[in-house]
Amino acid sequence: MSLESEEMSVVDHLTELRKRIIYVLIVFVLGLVGGLFCAKPIYDYLISTDLAQGFVLHAFSFWDGIGMYMKIAMAVSLVISIPFIAYQLWAFISPGLRPEERSATLRYVPYVFVLFLIGLSFAYYVVFPMALSFTISITRSMGLEETYGIAQYFNFMFSLVLPLALLFELPLLVMFLTKLRVLNPIRLRKMRRYAYFTLVFIAVVITPPDFISDFLVTIPLLVLYEFSVFLSAFVYRKQLAADAAREAQYTKSEE
């Protein structure tokens, strides 16, 4: 009987997960449609910078223009979907949380969007211009004739900006997992050197092969990790205090 109820519980969980994924896909598709309507003004803004005005972008394929529209629309849809994805994730796991944990973790959802926008702004306005400037300066120093494609320009931009924006969610992710008692500051401190190595590796992968870009991405990621450890310690101390209070109340009721 218990096995049957357990199987039903697994089926219920899978059904709930399927429902949440469908909700996310619907919002993403709606955001994609909306992104197509605002792709042109966003494109005009993205190529209006002084750096982008320094060269002419070319279309090397009949599909480059459509591809550019789709990339921008997908980026817009991702930005719109981020807080909704966070809420659906919370809604999926919230039945297994205590009431106080549900209310506490729900408050994280708006900050998911805020941190993503901060990461997006930092990546686009700080890291991307310096990385692009460096690669262009190397090309010009070699005396090469510059012919840049629109697809290459936006691929370079999105492959740098979007991953870095997502990495800015690290503090909230650590707080969330600490709240669920999956992580704690002690474990995070023990795995610090492995985390540093992983973050440096990620920074090297998503940036051009130059020290300045690597440095500009690596330092914020390491700061984010240390900030995550600090937030984890804050949540962990509150958990220990709450556990001690519950234990004292239970002991008192037993007496």
C-alpha atoms as a PDB file:
ATOM      1  CA  MET A   1       0.000   0.000   0.000  1.00  0.00           C
ATOM      2  CA  SER A   2       2.810   2.369   0.880  1.00  0.00           C
ATOM      3  CA  LEU A   3       4.558   1.493  -2.397  1.00  0.00           C
ATOM      4  CA  GLU A   4       1.416   2.368  -4.360  1.00  0.00           C
ATOM      5  CA  SER A   5       1.036   5.679  -2.554  1.00  0.00           C
ATOM      6  CA  GLU A   6       4.710   6.399  -3.179  1.00  0.00           C
ATOM      7  CA  GLU A   7       4.255   5.667  -6.890  1.00  0.00           C
ATOM      8  CA  MET A   8       1.243   7.950  -6.980  1.00  0.00           C
ATOM      9  CA  SER A   9       3.318  10.619  -5.272  1.00  0.00           C
ATOM     10  CA  VAL A  10       6.015  10.318  -7.944  1.00  0.00           C
ATOM     11  CA  VAL A  11       3.375  10.537 -10.682  1.00  0.00           C
ATOM     12  CA  ASP A  12       1.895  13.613  -9.015  1.00  0.00           C
ATOM     13  CA  HIS A  13       5.326  15.236  -8.880  1.00  0.00           C
ATOM     14  CA  LEU A  14       5.987  14.514 -12.546  1.00  0.00           C
ATOM     15  CA  THR A  15       2.561  15.875 -13.485  1.00  0.00           C
ATOM     16  CA  GLU A  16       3.228  19.033 -11.497  1.00  0.00           C
ATOM     17  CA  LEU A  17       6.668  19.418 -13.087  1.00  0.00           C
ATOM     18  CA  ARG A  18       5.158  19.011 -16.553  1.00  0.00           C
ATOM     19  CA  LYS A  19       2.581  21.678 -15.773  1.00  0.00           C
ATOM     20  CA  ARG A  20       5.259  24.120 -14.580  1.00  0.00           C
ATOM     21  CA  ILE A  21       7.383  23.513 -17.673  1.00  0.00           C
ATOM     22  CA  ILE A  22       4.369  24.148 -19.922  1.00  0.00           C
ATOM     23  CA  TYR A  23       3.700  27.440 -18.105  1.00  0.00           C
ATOM     24  CA  VAL A  24       7.322  28.500 -18.617  1.00  0.00           C
ATOM     25  CA  LEU A  25       7.225  27.577 -22.311  1.00  0.00           C
ATOM     26  CA  ILE A  26       4.021  29.572 -22.816  1.00  0.00           C
ATOM     27  CA  VAL A  27       5.548  32.667 -21.214  1.00  0.00           C
ATOM     28  CA  PHE A  28       8.769  32.199 -23.196  1.00  0.00           C
ATOM     29  CA  VAL A  29       6.855  31.944 -26.492  1.00  0.00           C
ATOM     30  CA  LEU A  30       4.779  35.028 -25.643  1.00  0.00           C
ATOM     31  CA  GLY A  31       7.978  36.872 -24.746  1.00  0.00           C
ATOM     32  CA  LEU A  32       9.498  35.724 -28.031  1.00  0.00           C
ATOM     33  CA  VAL A  33       6.564  37.137 -29.984  1.00  0.00           C
ATOM     34  CA  GLY A  34       6.794  40.404 -28.075  1.00  0.00           C
ATOM     35  CA  GLY A  35      10.555  40.462 -28.600  1.00  0.00           C
ATOM     36  CA  LEU A  36      10.098  40.268 -32.369  1.00  0.00           C
ATOM     37  CA  PHE A  37       8.066  43.489 -32.304  1.00  0.00           C
ATOM     38  CA  CYS A  38      10.716  45.392 -30.346  1.00  0.00           C
ATOM     39  CA  ALA A  39      13.761  43.780 -32.003  1.00  0.00           C
ATOM     40  CA  LYS A  40      14.355  46.681 -34.426  1.00  0.00           C
ATOM     41  CA  PRO A  41      14.571  49.489 -31.819  1.00  0.00           C
ATOM     42  CA  ILE A  42      16.727  47.258 -29.613  1.00  0.00           C
ATOM     43  CA  TYR A  43      18.976  46.533 -32.589  1.00  0.00           C
ATOM     44  CA  ASP A  44      19.263  50.260 -33.333  1.00  0.00           C
ATOM     45  CA  TYR A  45      20.246  50.892 -29.715  1.00  0.00           C
ATOM     46  CA  LEU A  46      22.811  48.076 -29.623  1.00  0.00           C
ATOM     47  CA  ILE A  47      24.646  49.337 -32.709  1.00  0.00           C
ATOM     48  CA  SER A  48      24.438  53.017 -31.718  1.00  0.00           C
ATOM     49  CA  THR A  49      27.510  52.841 -29.476  1.00  0.00           C
ATOM     50  CA  ASP A  50      30.676  54.627 -30.571  1.00  0.00           C
ATOM     51  CA  LEU A  51      32.497  51.314 -30.767  1.00  0.00           C
ATOM     52  CA  ALA A  52      29.900  49.751 -33.073  1.00  0.00           C
ATOM     53  CA  GLN A  53      29.840  52.875 -35.235  1.00  0.00           C
ATOM     54  CA  GLY A  54      33.541  52.407 -35.939  1.00  0.00           C
ATOM     55  CA  PHE A  55      32.942  49.658 -38.486  1.00  0.00           C
ATOM     56  CA  VAL A  56      30.302  48.474 -40.948  1.00  0.00           C
ATOM     57  CA  LEU A  57      28.315  45.334 -40.198  1.00  0.00           C
ATOM     58  CA  HIS A  58      27.611  43.060 -43.160  1.00  0.00           C
ATOM     59  CA  ALA A  59      25.126  40.300 -43.885  1.00  0.00           C
ATOM     60  CA  PHE A  60      26.910  37.251 -45.299  1.00  0.00           C
ATOM     61  CA  SER A  61      23.752  35.198 -45.620  1.00  0.00           C
ATOM     62  CA  PHE A  62      20.142  35.759 -46.605  1.00  0.00           C
ATOM     63  CA  TRP A  63      19.239  34.551 -43.112  1.00  0.00           C
ATOM     64  CA  ASP A  64      21.499  36.890 -41.135  1.00  0.00           C
ATOM     65  CA  GLY A  65      18.824  39.581 -40.739  1.00  0.00           C
ATOM     66  CA  ILE A  66      16.203  37.082 -39.598  1.00  0.00           C
ATOM     67  CA  GLY A  67      18.745  35.411 -37.332  1.00  0.00           C
ATOM     68  CA  MET A  68      19.557  38.751 -35.726  1.00  0.00           C
ATOM     69  CA  TYR A  69      15.857  39.411 -35.078  1.00  0.00           C
ATOM     70  CA  MET A  70      15.450  35.964 -33.533  1.00  0.00           C
ATOM     71  CA  LYS A  71      18.521  36.326 -31.292  1.00  0.00           C
ATOM     72  CA  ILE A  72      17.298  39.659 -29.942  1.00  0.00           C
ATOM     73  CA  ALA A  73      13.762  38.322 -29.490  1.00  0.00           C
ATOM     74  CA  MET A  74      15.066  35.285 -27.609  1.00  0.00           C
ATOM     75  CA  ALA A  75      17.201  37.505 -25.376  1.00  0.00           C
ATOM     76  CA  VAL A  76      14.163  39.687 -24.616  1.00  0.00           C
ATOM     77  CA  SER A  77      12.086  36.596 -23.909  1.00  0.00           C
ATOM     78  CA  LEU A  78      14.763  35.269 -21.540  1.00  0.00           C
ATOM     79  CA  VAL A  79      14.813  38.537 -19.598  1.00  0.00           C
ATOM     80  CA  ILE A  80      11.018  38.495 -19.317  1.00  0.00           C
ATOM     81  CA  SER A  81      10.914  34.810 -18.382  1.00  0.00           C
ATOM     82  CA  ILE A  82      13.616  34.845 -15.684  1.00  0.00           C
ATOM     83  CA  PRO A  83      11.366  35.948 -12.764  1.00  0.00           C
ATOM     84  CA  PHE A  84       8.546  33.688 -13.962  1.00  0.00           C
ATOM     85  CA  ILE A  85      10.919  30.704 -14.157  1.00  0.00           C
ATOM     86  CA  ALA A  86      12.086  31.466 -10.615  1.00  0.00           C
ATOM     87  CA  TYR A  87       8.494  31.598  -9.379  1.00  0.00           C
ATOM     88  CA  GLN A  88       7.562  28.323 -11.090  1.00  0.00           C
ATOM     89  CA  LEU A  89      10.601  26.648  -9.553  1.00  0.00           C
ATOM     90  CA  TRP A  90       9.533  27.919  -6.140  1.00  0.00           C
ATOM     91  CA  ALA A  91       5.938  26.786  -6.736  1.00  0.00           C
ATOM     92  CA  PHE A  92       7.157  23.293  -7.643  1.00  0.00           C
ATOM     93  CA  ILE A  93       9.244  22.750  -4.507  1.00  0.00           C
ATOM     94  CA  SER A  94       7.191  24.837  -2.050  1.00  0.00           C
ATOM     95  CA  PRO A  95       4.847  21.973  -0.991  1.00  0.00           C
ATOM     96  CA  GLY A  96       7.859  20.253   0.557  1.00  0.00           C
ATOM     97  CA  LEU A  97       8.888  23.300   2.592  1.00  0.00           C
ATOM     98  CA  ARG A  98       7.833  24.466   6.011  1.00  0.00           C
ATOM     99  CA  PRO A  99       5.460  27.478   6.068  1.00  0.00           C
ATOM    100  CA  GLU A 100       8.229  29.817   7.242  1.00  0.00           C
ATOM    101  CA  GLU A 101      10.561  28.453   4.544  1.00  0.00           C
ATOM    102  CA  ARG A 102       7.921  28.984   1.873  1.00  0.00           C
ATOM    103  CA  SER A 103       7.419  32.633   2.763  1.00  0.00           C
ATOM    104  CA  ALA A 104      11.164  33.242   3.103  1.00  0.00           C
ATOM    105  CA  THR A 105      12.128  31.673  -0.228  1.00  0.00           C
ATOM    106  CA  LEU A 106       9.254  33.381  -2.066  1.00  0.00           C
ATOM    107  CA  ARG A 107      10.861  36.719  -1.231  1.00  0.00           C
ATOM    108  CA  TYR A 108      13.885  35.708  -3.307  1.00  0.00           C
ATOM    109  CA  VAL A 109      11.934  35.721  -6.571  1.00  0.00           C
ATOM    110  CA  PRO A 110      11.984  39.502  -7.281  1.00  0.00           C
ATOM    111  CA  TYR A 111      15.707  39.629  -6.556  1.00  0.00           C
ATOM    112  CA  VAL A 112      16.324  37.028  -9.259  1.00  0.00           C
ATOM    113  CA  PHE A 113      15.220  39.623 -11.807  1.00  0.00           C
ATOM    114  CA  VAL A 114      17.170  42.430 -10.123  1.00  0.00           C
ATOM    115  CA  LEU A 115      20.437  40.471 -10.038  1.00  0.00           C
ATOM    116  CA  PHE A 116      19.981  39.365 -13.637  1.00  0.00           C
ATOM    117  CA  LEU A 117      19.564  42.988 -14.754  1.00  0.00           C
ATOM    118  CA  ILE A 118      22.631  44.037 -12.753  1.00  0.00           C
ATOM    119  CA  GLY A 119      24.667  41.264 -14.353  1.00  0.00           C
ATOM    120  CA  LEU A 120      23.311  42.136 -17.787  1.00  0.00           C
ATOM    121  CA  SER A 121      24.211  45.812 -17.359  1.00  0.00           C
ATOM    122  CA  PHE A 122      27.692  45.044 -16.058  1.00  0.00           C
ATOM    123  CA  ALA A 123      28.388  42.603 -18.883  1.00  0.00           C
ATOM    124  CA  TYR A 124      27.091  44.882 -21.647  1.00  0.00           C
ATOM    125  CA  TYR A 125      28.343  48.274 -20.473  1.00  0.00           C
ATOM    126  CA  VAL A 126      31.681  47.233 -18.933  1.00  0.00           C
ATOM    127  CA  VAL A 127      32.960  43.846 -20.096  1.00  0.00           C
ATOM    128  CA  PHE A 128      31.661  43.714 -23.674  1.00  0.00           C
ATOM    129  CA  PRO A 129      33.036  47.117 -24.826  1.00  0.00           C
ATOM    130  CA  MET A 130      36.489  46.348 -23.444  1.00  0.00           C
ATOM    131  CA  ALA A 131      36.529  42.846 -24.919  1.00  0.00           C
ATOM    132  CA  LEU A 132      35.357  44.114 -28.312  1.00  0.00           C
ATOM    133  CA  SER A 133      37.830  46.993 -28.252  1.00  0.00           C
ATOM    134  CA  PHE A 134      40.673  44.600 -27.501  1.00  0.00           C
ATOM    135  CA  THR A 135      39.824  42.200 -30.325  1.00  0.00           C
ATOM    136  CA  ILE A 136      39.441  45.068 -32.812  1.00  0.00           C
ATOM    137  CA  SER A 137      42.748  46.627 -31.744  1.00  0.00           C
ATOM    138  CA  ILE A 138      44.531  43.313 -32.312  1.00  0.00           C
ATOM    139  CA  THR A 139      42.981  43.025 -35.785  1.00  0.00           C
ATOM    140  CA  ARG A 140      44.015  46.561 -36.724  1.00  0.00           C
ATOM    141  CA  SER A 141      47.520  46.176 -35.306  1.00  0.00           C
ATOM    142  CA  MET A 142      48.046  43.247 -37.683  1.00  0.00           C
ATOM    143  CA  GLY A 143      47.020  45.399 -40.648  1.00  0.00           C
ATOM    144  CA  LEU A 144      44.062  43.192 -41.505  1.00  0.00           C
ATOM    145  CA  GLU A 145      41.099  44.529 -43.446  1.00  0.00           C
ATOM    146  CA  GLU A 146      38.013  44.540 -41.224  1.00  0.00           C
ATOM    147  CA  THR A 147      34.857  42.947 -42.554  1.00  0.00           C
ATOM    148  CA  TYR A 148      32.496  42.024 -39.756  1.00  0.00           C
ATOM    149  CA  GLY A 149      29.226  40.140 -40.114  1.00  0.00           C
ATOM    150  CA  ILE A 150      26.101  40.999 -38.176  1.00  0.00           C
ATOM    151  CA  ALA A 151      25.783  37.375 -37.041  1.00  0.00           C
ATOM    152  CA  GLN A 152      29.347  37.288 -35.687  1.00  0.00           C
ATOM    153  CA  TYR A 153      28.864  40.586 -33.854  1.00  0.00           C
ATOM    154  CA  PHE A 154      25.710  39.498 -32.033  1.00  0.00           C
ATOM    155  CA  ASN A 155      26.991  35.973 -31.395  1.00  0.00           C
ATOM    156  CA  PHE A 156      30.041  37.498 -29.730  1.00  0.00           C
ATOM    157  CA  MET A 157      27.858  39.854 -27.698  1.00  0.00           C
ATOM    158  CA  PHE A 158      25.297  37.322 -26.496  1.00  0.00           C
ATOM    159  CA  SER A 159      27.851  34.581 -25.768  1.00  0.00           C
ATOM    160  CA  LEU A 160      29.568  36.989 -23.380  1.00  0.00           C
ATOM    161  CA  VAL A 161      26.711  39.019 -21.912  1.00  0.00           C
ATOM    162  CA  LEU A 162      24.030  36.393 -21.213  1.00  0.00           C
ATOM    163  CA  PRO A 163      26.200  33.794 -19.400  1.00  0.00           C
ATOM    164  CA  LEU A 164      27.702  36.507 -17.209  1.00  0.00           C
ATOM    165  CA  ALA A 165      24.238  37.867 -16.388  1.00  0.00           C
ATOM    166  CA  LEU A 166      23.102  34.381 -15.349  1.00  0.00           C
ATOM    167  CA  LEU A 167      26.188  33.942 -13.150  1.00  0.00           C
ATOM    168  CA  PHE A 168      25.081  36.976 -11.145  1.00  0.00           C
ATOM    169  CA  GLU A 169      22.308  34.745  -9.761  1.00  0.00           C
ATOM    170  CA  LEU A 170      24.912  32.853  -7.709  1.00  0.00           C
ATOM    171  CA  PRO A 171      24.242  34.625  -4.368  1.00  0.00           C
ATOM    172  CA  LEU A 172      20.508  33.936  -4.533  1.00  0.00           C
ATOM    173  CA  LEU A 173      21.076  30.338  -5.575  1.00  0.00           C
ATOM    174  CA  VAL A 174      23.385  29.792  -2.604  1.00  0.00           C
ATOM    175  CA  MET A 175      20.911  31.447  -0.220  1.00  0.00           C
ATOM    176  CA  PHE A 176      18.120  29.291  -1.599  1.00  0.00           C
ATOM    177  CA  LEU A 177      20.105  26.060  -1.209  1.00  0.00           C
ATOM    178  CA  THR A 178      21.182  27.109   2.278  1.00  0.00           C
ATOM    179  CA  LYS A 179      17.554  27.689   3.186  1.00  0.00           C
ATOM    180  CA  LEU A 180      16.813  24.152   1.974  1.00  0.00           C
ATOM    181  CA  ARG A 181      19.778  22.904   4.072  1.00  0.00           C
ATOM    182  CA  VAL A 182      21.572  21.595   1.000  1.00  0.00           C
ATOM    183  CA  LEU A 183      24.481  24.014   1.481  1.00  0.00           C
ATOM    184  CA  ASN A 184      25.994  25.786   4.465  1.00  0.00           C
ATOM    185  CA  PRO A 185      28.868  28.260   4.906  1.00  0.00           C
ATOM    186  CA  ILE A 186      31.155  25.578   6.329  1.00  0.00           C
ATOM    187  CA  ARG A 187      30.835  23.490   3.179  1.00  0.00           C
ATOM    188  CA  LEU A 188      31.219  26.547   0.954  1.00  0.00           C
ATOM    189  CA  ARG A 189      34.458  27.545   2.698  1.00  0.00           C
ATOM    190  CA  LYS A 190      35.848  24.023   2.363  1.00  0.00           C
ATOM    191  CA  MET A 191      35.150  23.956  -1.374  1.00  0.00           C
ATOM    192  CA  ARG A 192      36.390  27.533  -1.942  1.00  0.00           C
ATOM    193  CA  ARG A 193      39.477  26.637  -3.991  1.00  0.00           C
ATOM    194  CA  TYR A 194      37.483  24.302  -6.237  1.00  0.00           C
ATOM    195  CA  ALA A 195      34.825  26.989  -6.659  1.00  0.00           C
ATOM    196  CA  TYR A 196      37.506  29.563  -7.509  1.00  0.00           C
ATOM    197  CA  PHE A 197      39.002  27.247 -10.112  1.00  0.00           C
ATOM    198  CA  THR A 198      35.568  26.631 -11.645  1.00  0.00           C
ATOM    199  CA  LEU A 199      34.720  30.339 -11.768  1.00  0.00           C
ATOM    200  CA  VAL A 200      38.088  31.229 -13.313  1.00  0.00           C
ATOM    201  CA  PHE A 201      37.578  28.484 -15.900  1.00  0.00           C
ATOM    202  CA  ILE A 202      34.103  29.833 -16.731  1.00  0.00           C
ATOM    203  CA  ALA A 203      35.492  33.364 -17.038  1.00  0.00           C
ATOM    204  CA  VAL A 204      38.205  32.204 -19.436  1.00  0.00           C
ATOM    205  CA  VAL A 205      35.713  30.238 -21.547  1.00  0.00           C
ATOM    206  CA  ILE A 206      33.134  33.022 -22.007  1.00  0.00           C
ATOM    207  CA  THR A 207      35.617  35.860 -22.620  1.00  0.00           C
ATOM    208  CA  PRO A 208      38.077  36.571 -25.442  1.00  0.00           C
ATOM    209  CA  PRO A 209      41.611  35.239 -24.896  1.00  0.00           C
ATOM    210  CA  ASP A 210      43.055  38.337 -23.271  1.00  0.00           C
ATOM    211  CA  PHE A 211      44.030  39.054 -19.693  1.00  0.00           C
ATOM    212  CA  ILE A 212      41.950  42.224 -19.325  1.00  0.00           C
ATOM    213  CA  SER A 213      38.650  40.560 -20.224  1.00  0.00           C
ATOM    214  CA  ASP A 214      39.459  37.534 -18.068  1.00  0.00           C
ATOM    215  CA  PHE A 215      40.317  39.810 -15.155  1.00  0.00           C
ATOM    216  CA  LEU A 216      37.169  41.930 -15.568  1.00  0.00           C
ATOM    217  CA  VAL A 217      34.977  38.832 -15.415  1.00  0.00           C
ATOM    218  CA  THR A 218      36.931  36.776 -12.869  1.00  0.00           C
ATOM    219  CA  ILE A 219      37.094  39.399 -10.108  1.00  0.00           C
ATOM    220  CA  PRO A 220      33.297  40.025  -9.966  1.00  0.00           C
ATOM    221  CA  LEU A 221      32.662  36.263  -9.982  1.00  0.00           C
ATOM    222  CA  LEU A 222      35.020  35.718  -7.046  1.00  0.00           C
ATOM    223  CA  VAL A 223      33.429  38.638  -5.197  1.00  0.00           C
ATOM    224  CA  LEU A 224      30.003  37.117  -5.887  1.00  0.00           C
ATOM    225  CA  TYR A 225      31.169  33.819  -4.429  1.00  0.00           C
ATOM    226  CA  GLU A 226      32.453  35.445  -1.249  1.00  0.00           C
ATOM    227  CA  PHE A 227      29.237  37.438  -0.996  1.00  0.00           C
ATOM    228  CA  SER A 228      27.354  34.158  -1.402  1.00  0.00           C
ATOM    229  CA  VAL A 229      29.333  32.651   1.497  1.00  0.00           C
ATOM    230  CA  PHE A 230      28.451  35.688   3.621  1.00  0.00           C
ATOM    231  CA  LEU A 231      24.744  35.377   2.783  1.00  0.00           C
ATOM    232  CA  SER A 232      24.856  31.641   3.441  1.00  0.00           C
ATOM    233  CA  ALA A 233      26.365  32.279   6.876  1.00  0.00           C
ATOM    234  CA  PHE A 234      23.623  34.814   7.617  1.00  0.00           C
ATOM    235  CA  VAL A 235      20.868  32.351   6.669  1.00  0.00           C
ATOM    236  CA  TYR A 236      22.620  29.497   8.490  1.00  0.00           C
ATOM    237  CA  ARG A 237      22.853  31.459  11.759  1.00  0.00           C
ATOM    238  CA  LYS A 238      19.143  32.227  11.588  1.00  0.00           C
ATOM    239  CA  GLN A 239      18.424  28.540  10.970  1.00  0.00           C
ATOM    240  CA  LEU A 240      20.491  27.495  13.990  1.00  0.00           C
ATOM    241  CA  ALA A 241      18.706  30.054  16.165  1.00  0.00           C
ATOM    242  CA  ALA A 242      15.299  28.853  14.943  1.00  0.00           C
ATOM    243  CA  ASP A 243      16.271  25.218  15.535  1.00  0.00           C
ATOM    244  CA  ALA A 244      17.440  26.036  19.060  1.00  0.00           C
ATOM    245  CA  ALA A 245      14.190  27.881  19.788  1.00  0.00           C
ATOM    246  CA  ARG A 246      12.116  24.939  18.541  1.00  0.00           C
ATOM    247  CA  GLU A 247      14.197  22.513  20.590  1.00  0.00           C
ATOM    248  CA  ALA A 248      13.762  24.630  23.714  1.00  0.00           C
ATOM    249  CA  GLN A 249      10.022  24.887  23.132  1.00  0.00           C
ATOM    250  CA  TYR A 250       9.768  21.117  22.597  1.00  0.00           C
ATOM    251  CA  THR A 251      11.765  20.406  25.766  1.00  0.00           C
ATOM    252  CA  LYS A 252       9.594  22.790  27.735  1.00  0.00           C
ATOM    253  CA  SER A 253       6.390  21.164  26.455  1.00  0.00           C
ATOM    254  CA  GLU A 254       7.728  17.709  27.372  1.00  0.00           C
ATOM    255  CA  GLU A 255       8.306  18.836  30.935  1.00  0.00           C
END
